[in-house]
Amino acid sequence: MSSDPRPHPVTPSSASPRRPARTLTRLAGVALVAGALVTGGGAAAVAAPAVSPVEAPTGSAAHPRVTPGPCAYTQTPEEPAARPVPLPPDPRRTPDRGTVRVTLRTSQGPIGLTLDREAAPCTVQSFLHLVRHRFYDRTSCHRLTAYPTLKVLQCGDPSGTGSGGPGYRYLDELPTDLPPAPTDPTGVRRLYARGTLAMANAGPDTNGSQFFLVQSDSALRPNYTVFGSIDAAGLATLDRIAAGGIAPTAENPAPVDGAPALPVDIQRAVRHHHRH
């Protein structure tokens, strides 16, 4: 049996279509149901700016659209986008050097991110594409964890449920240089250090829009793409959110995994265009 903490599933509302949860699925070694990430419900999504039919991805479940470049962003008709957004650009020479700064302006304070193109070029390309199309604007961070070996804030789903994504997926760009987690005597889990920015997923090669911000050193299997880091101001914001705790529910008055008690709304994600 896995020693990883196991969040308690919550039955999703029948009013919304069920999609795979973009989450830290390997925490428990099994896939989580779509509602497992939010105890007590997420904030209602706000309508996104319209995307023209020319830009919107088209295709079918039998023949999903796939971009022709090295990142091979693949449309997921079975998992429609939580907000309309086209497939990302996929140039033959995907930028793989340098860093890009993005600031998440949240209701709890700024969270500055440094994206590392060399570590994960396709992930950075996708993230910047979603920022450019304002996919993350007016969204809530739906999950906060407070396990002894896992302390993260998860964001990136406009539906606020933990099951929404951008309508496409792409391959993992997994880290190979993470040190062993000192809390894991088996040596299987790796240290996702405080300040790490990584992608959530629903299994191998299912990256989409959801990401997590590591507030305190965490132990995870190295199955999550690391694509950047969080600045000092962002860590101070995360500390404030973590100190607020997790929203209690009737079923669990003292949860260690669920919606943050201090609502965290990304009001705007802003890219800084000066080069590094």
Protein backbone atom coordinates (compact mmCIF):
# COMPACT_ATOMS: atom_id res chain seq x y z
CA MET A 1 0.00 0.00 0.00
CA SER A 2 1.27 3.41 -0.87
CA SER A 3 2.40 5.64 1.98
CA ASP A 4 1.25 8.75 0.11
CA PRO A 5 -1.71 10.65 1.57
CA ARG A 6 -5.06 9.78 0.02
CA PRO A 7 -7.56 12.62 -0.51
CA HIS A 8 -11.18 11.76 0.19
CA PRO A 9 -13.33 11.63 -2.97
CA VAL A 10 -16.37 13.85 -3.29
CA THR A 11 -19.16 12.94 -5.67
CA PRO A 12 -19.21 15.48 -8.52
CA SER A 13 -22.41 17.26 -9.42
CA SER A 14 -24.50 15.55 -12.05
CA ALA A 15 -25.01 18.93 -13.66
CA SER A 16 -21.51 19.06 -15.13
CA PRO A 17 -19.78 16.58 -17.45
CA ARG A 18 -17.22 14.38 -15.79
CA ARG A 19 -13.64 14.71 -16.90
CA PRO A 20 -10.42 13.17 -15.58
CA ALA A 21 -9.05 15.20 -12.68
CA ARG A 22 -5.87 17.07 -13.50
CA THR A 23 -4.23 16.33 -10.21
CA LEU A 24 -1.35 14.72 -8.40
CA THR A 25 -2.78 11.30 -9.24
CA ARG A 26 0.27 9.37 -8.19
CA LEU A 27 0.02 10.46 -4.61
CA ALA A 28 -2.12 7.43 -3.86
CA GLY A 29 -1.05 5.30 -6.80
CA VAL A 30 -4.54 5.38 -8.29
CA ALA A 31 -6.54 7.87 -10.35
CA LEU A 32 -8.80 10.19 -8.38
CA VAL A 33 -12.39 10.93 -9.27
CA ALA A 34 -13.08 14.33 -10.73
CA GLY A 35 -14.49 15.75 -7.49
CA ALA A 36 -11.63 14.66 -5.24
CA LEU A 37 -9.82 17.97 -5.33
CA VAL A 38 -12.37 20.32 -3.84
CA THR A 39 -14.14 19.78 -0.57
CA GLY A 40 -16.96 22.20 -0.30
CA GLY A 41 -17.04 23.29 -3.93
CA GLY A 42 -15.02 25.68 -6.06
CA ALA A 43 -15.70 29.25 -7.08
CA ALA A 44 -18.00 29.71 -10.03
CA ALA A 45 -16.17 30.23 -13.29
CA VAL A 46 -16.53 33.57 -15.04
CA ALA A 47 -17.26 33.62 -18.76
CA ALA A 48 -14.12 33.95 -20.85
CA PRO A 49 -13.57 36.28 -23.77
CA ALA A 50 -14.96 34.68 -26.92
CA VAL A 51 -12.60 32.84 -29.25
CA SER A 52 -13.45 33.12 -32.92
CA PRO A 53 -14.57 29.91 -34.68
CA VAL A 54 -11.54 30.20 -36.94
CA GLU A 55 -9.20 29.96 -33.94
CA ALA A 56 -11.09 27.30 -32.01
CA PRO A 57 -9.75 23.73 -32.37
CA THR A 58 -11.83 21.38 -34.48
CA GLY A 59 -11.72 17.62 -34.76
CA SER A 60 -13.39 14.49 -33.48
CA ALA A 61 -12.70 11.84 -30.87
CA ALA A 62 -11.65 9.49 -33.67
CA HIS A 63 -9.45 12.09 -35.37
CA PRO A 64 -8.29 14.71 -32.86
CA ARG A 65 -6.23 17.59 -34.14
CA VAL A 66 -2.50 17.30 -33.44
CA THR A 67 -0.06 20.14 -34.04
CA PRO A 68 2.74 19.23 -36.48
CA GLY A 69 5.73 20.39 -34.43
CA PRO A 70 7.84 18.61 -31.80
CA CYS A 71 5.40 19.34 -28.95
CA ALA A 72 2.47 17.56 -30.69
CA TYR A 73 -0.28 19.31 -28.74
CA THR A 74 -3.26 16.98 -29.10
CA GLN A 75 -6.88 18.05 -29.00
CA THR A 76 -9.06 16.18 -26.49
CA PRO A 77 -12.63 16.20 -27.84
CA GLU A 78 -13.66 13.85 -25.04
CA GLU A 79 -12.49 16.51 -22.56
CA PRO A 80 -13.71 19.85 -23.94
CA ALA A 81 -11.97 23.03 -22.91
CA ALA A 82 -13.21 24.70 -19.73
CA ARG A 83 -12.75 27.91 -21.73
CA PRO A 84 -12.43 28.16 -25.51
CA VAL A 85 -8.80 28.35 -26.53
CA PRO A 86 -6.95 27.32 -29.72
CA LEU A 87 -4.15 24.80 -29.80
CA PRO A 88 -0.76 26.39 -28.98
CA PRO A 89 1.75 27.33 -31.66
CA ASP A 90 4.14 24.45 -32.24
CA PRO A 91 7.17 25.72 -34.17
CA ARG A 92 9.72 23.24 -35.43
CA ARG A 93 12.32 25.01 -33.31
CA THR A 94 10.51 25.41 -30.02
CA PRO A 95 12.38 27.96 -27.87
CA ASP A 96 14.48 25.98 -25.39
CA ARG A 97 16.75 28.59 -23.83
CA GLY A 98 16.29 31.39 -21.37
CA THR A 99 13.59 32.25 -18.88
CA VAL A 100 10.32 34.17 -18.97
CA ARG A 101 8.72 36.05 -16.09
CA VAL A 102 4.98 35.79 -15.40
CA THR A 103 3.11 37.31 -12.47
CA LEU A 104 -0.14 35.88 -11.16
CA ARG A 105 -2.04 38.79 -9.64
CA THR A 106 -4.20 37.06 -7.06
CA SER A 107 -6.73 38.14 -4.46
CA GLN A 108 -4.19 37.16 -1.78
CA GLY A 109 -1.19 38.93 -3.30
CA PRO A 110 1.21 38.59 -6.24
CA ILE A 111 2.85 35.30 -7.18
CA GLY A 112 5.84 35.84 -9.44
CA LEU A 113 6.94 32.92 -11.62
CA THR A 114 10.11 32.33 -13.60
CA LEU A 115 9.49 29.87 -16.43
CA ASP A 116 12.48 27.79 -17.54
CA ARG A 117 12.41 27.05 -21.27
CA GLU A 118 15.39 24.67 -21.10
CA ALA A 119 13.77 22.47 -18.45
CA ALA A 120 10.44 22.14 -20.25
CA PRO A 121 10.17 23.97 -23.59
CA CYS A 122 6.77 22.56 -24.62
CA THR A 123 5.28 23.23 -21.19
CA VAL A 124 6.50 26.83 -21.17
CA GLN A 125 5.22 27.30 -24.72
CA SER A 126 1.76 26.06 -23.65
CA PHE A 127 1.68 28.07 -20.42
CA LEU A 128 2.55 31.32 -22.21
CA HIS A 129 -0.08 30.56 -24.85
CA LEU A 130 -2.73 30.21 -22.13
CA VAL A 131 -1.54 33.41 -20.47
CA ARG A 132 -1.74 35.24 -23.80
CA HIS A 133 -5.33 34.05 -24.33
CA ARG A 134 -6.23 35.06 -20.75
CA PHE A 135 -7.20 31.48 -19.93
CA TYR A 136 -6.07 31.89 -16.31
CA ASP A 137 -7.68 35.27 -15.71
CA ARG A 138 -10.57 35.27 -13.23
CA THR A 139 -10.01 31.68 -12.13
CA SER A 140 -9.74 30.20 -8.64
CA CYS A 141 -7.01 28.02 -7.17
CA HIS A 142 -9.15 25.07 -6.15
CA ARG A 143 -6.87 22.91 -4.03
CA LEU A 144 -4.58 23.38 -1.04
CA THR A 145 -2.82 20.49 0.70
CA ALA A 146 -1.35 20.37 4.19
CA TYR A 147 0.02 16.85 4.49
CA PRO A 148 3.35 16.53 6.31
CA THR A 149 5.07 15.60 3.03
CA LEU A 150 2.91 17.50 0.54
CA LYS A 151 2.17 21.21 0.80
CA VAL A 152 1.04 22.70 -2.49
CA LEU A 153 -1.51 25.08 -4.00
CA GLN A 154 -3.09 23.86 -7.23
CA CYS A 155 -4.53 26.22 -9.85
CA GLY A 156 -5.32 26.44 -13.54
CA ASP A 157 -8.88 25.14 -13.93
CA PRO A 158 -11.43 27.79 -14.98
CA SER A 159 -14.26 25.54 -13.77
CA GLY A 160 -12.86 25.59 -10.23
CA THR A 161 -13.57 21.86 -9.82
CA GLY A 162 -10.21 20.29 -10.56
CA SER A 163 -11.55 18.50 -13.63
CA GLY A 164 -11.26 21.27 -16.24
CA GLY A 165 -8.54 21.86 -18.80
CA PRO A 166 -7.73 23.63 -22.08
CA GLY A 167 -9.13 21.00 -24.45
CA TYR A 168 -5.71 19.61 -25.34
CA ARG A 169 -2.92 17.56 -23.81
CA TYR A 170 0.79 17.12 -24.41
CA LEU A 171 3.73 14.96 -23.40
CA ASP A 172 5.57 14.99 -20.09
CA GLU A 173 8.96 16.70 -19.77
CA LEU A 174 9.94 15.00 -16.54
CA PRO A 175 12.80 16.11 -14.31
CA THR A 176 15.82 13.84 -14.05
CA ASP A 177 17.91 15.70 -11.48
CA LEU A 178 15.67 15.96 -8.42
CA PRO A 179 17.33 14.69 -5.22
CA PRO A 180 15.75 11.84 -3.24
CA ALA A 181 13.17 12.99 -0.71
CA PRO A 182 14.75 12.68 2.74
CA THR A 183 11.37 11.64 4.19
CA ASP A 184 11.12 8.57 1.91
CA PRO A 185 13.37 5.67 2.99
CA THR A 186 12.49 3.73 -0.20
CA GLY A 187 14.22 6.30 -2.38
CA VAL A 188 11.32 6.27 -4.84
CA ARG A 189 10.04 9.77 -4.20
CA ARG A 190 11.94 12.89 -5.07
CA LEU A 191 12.18 16.28 -3.45
CA TYR A 192 9.95 18.89 -5.05
CA ALA A 193 11.51 21.76 -3.11
CA ARG A 194 9.79 24.85 -1.78
CA GLY A 195 9.39 27.32 -4.63
CA THR A 196 8.97 24.70 -7.36
CA LEU A 197 6.44 25.28 -10.16
CA ALA A 198 5.17 22.06 -11.75
CA MET A 199 2.35 20.66 -13.86
CA ALA A 200 -0.50 18.60 -12.43
CA ASN A 201 -1.73 15.71 -14.55
CA ALA A 202 -4.20 12.83 -14.81
CA GLY A 203 -1.55 10.23 -15.65
CA PRO A 204 1.36 9.98 -18.10
CA ASP A 205 1.40 12.55 -20.92
CA THR A 206 -1.85 14.29 -19.92
CA ASN A 207 -0.53 17.78 -19.20
CA GLY A 208 -3.05 20.54 -19.83
CA SER A 209 -3.55 23.80 -17.94
CA GLN A 210 -3.46 22.86 -14.25
CA PHE A 211 -0.29 23.48 -12.28
CA PHE A 212 0.84 23.42 -8.66
CA LEU A 213 2.97 25.74 -6.54
CA VAL A 214 5.09 24.07 -3.86
CA GLN A 215 4.80 26.00 -0.58
CA SER A 216 7.01 23.66 1.48
CA ASP A 217 9.42 20.83 0.57
CA SER A 218 7.29 17.94 -0.71
CA ALA A 219 7.93 14.28 -1.54
CA LEU A 220 6.52 13.02 -4.84
CA ARG A 221 7.35 10.44 -7.46
CA PRO A 222 9.15 12.28 -10.29
CA ASN A 223 6.08 12.11 -12.52
CA TYR A 224 5.33 15.84 -12.68
CA THR A 225 6.94 18.23 -15.13
CA VAL A 226 8.91 21.00 -13.41
CA PHE A 227 8.88 24.15 -15.54
CA GLY A 228 9.91 26.99 -13.29
CA SER A 229 10.15 28.57 -9.87
CA ILE A 230 8.33 30.98 -7.56
CA ASP A 231 9.84 34.28 -6.39
CA ALA A 232 10.15 35.52 -2.81
CA ALA A 233 7.00 37.65 -2.98
CA GLY A 234 5.10 34.68 -4.35
CA LEU A 235 6.32 32.44 -1.54
CA ALA A 236 5.17 35.04 0.99
CA THR A 237 1.74 34.94 -0.65
CA LEU A 238 1.72 31.13 -0.53
CA ASP A 239 2.70 31.20 3.16
CA ARG A 240 -0.21 33.52 3.88
CA ILE A 241 -2.62 31.22 2.02
CA ALA A 242 -1.27 28.13 3.79
CA ALA A 243 -1.57 29.83 7.18
CA GLY A 244 -5.25 30.41 6.46
CA GLY A 245 -5.78 26.68 6.29
CA ILE A 246 -8.24 24.55 4.34
CA ALA A 247 -11.98 25.21 4.29
CA PRO A 248 -13.80 22.76 6.60
CA THR A 249 -16.81 20.81 5.40
CA ALA A 250 -19.68 19.03 7.16
CA GLU A 251 -18.00 15.72 6.36
CA ASN A 252 -14.53 16.85 7.45
CA PRO A 253 -14.22 19.70 9.95
CA ALA A 254 -10.40 19.59 9.88
CA PRO A 255 -9.32 18.70 6.33
CA VAL A 256 -5.73 18.48 5.11
CA ASP A 257 -6.69 18.58 1.43
CA GLY A 258 -9.34 20.78 -0.16
CA ALA A 259 -10.32 24.31 -1.06
CA PRO A 260 -8.21 27.01 0.63
CA ALA A 261 -10.06 28.79 3.44
CA LEU A 262 -8.75 32.08 2.05
CA PRO A 263 -10.19 32.15 -1.48
CA VAL A 264 -7.41 32.48 -4.03
CA ASP A 265 -8.58 34.06 -7.26
CA ILE A 266 -6.16 34.71 -10.12
CA GLN A 267 -7.37 38.09 -11.27
CA ARG A 268 -4.84 38.35 -14.08
CA ALA A 269 -1.81 36.43 -15.33
CA VAL A 270 0.71 38.84 -16.86
CA ARG A 271 3.78 38.05 -18.93
CA HIS A 272 6.79 40.37 -18.64
CA HIS A 273 8.38 40.74 -22.03
CA HIS A 274 11.92 41.79 -21.11
CA ARG A 275 14.41 39.03 -21.87
CA HIS A 276 16.55 37.11 -19.42
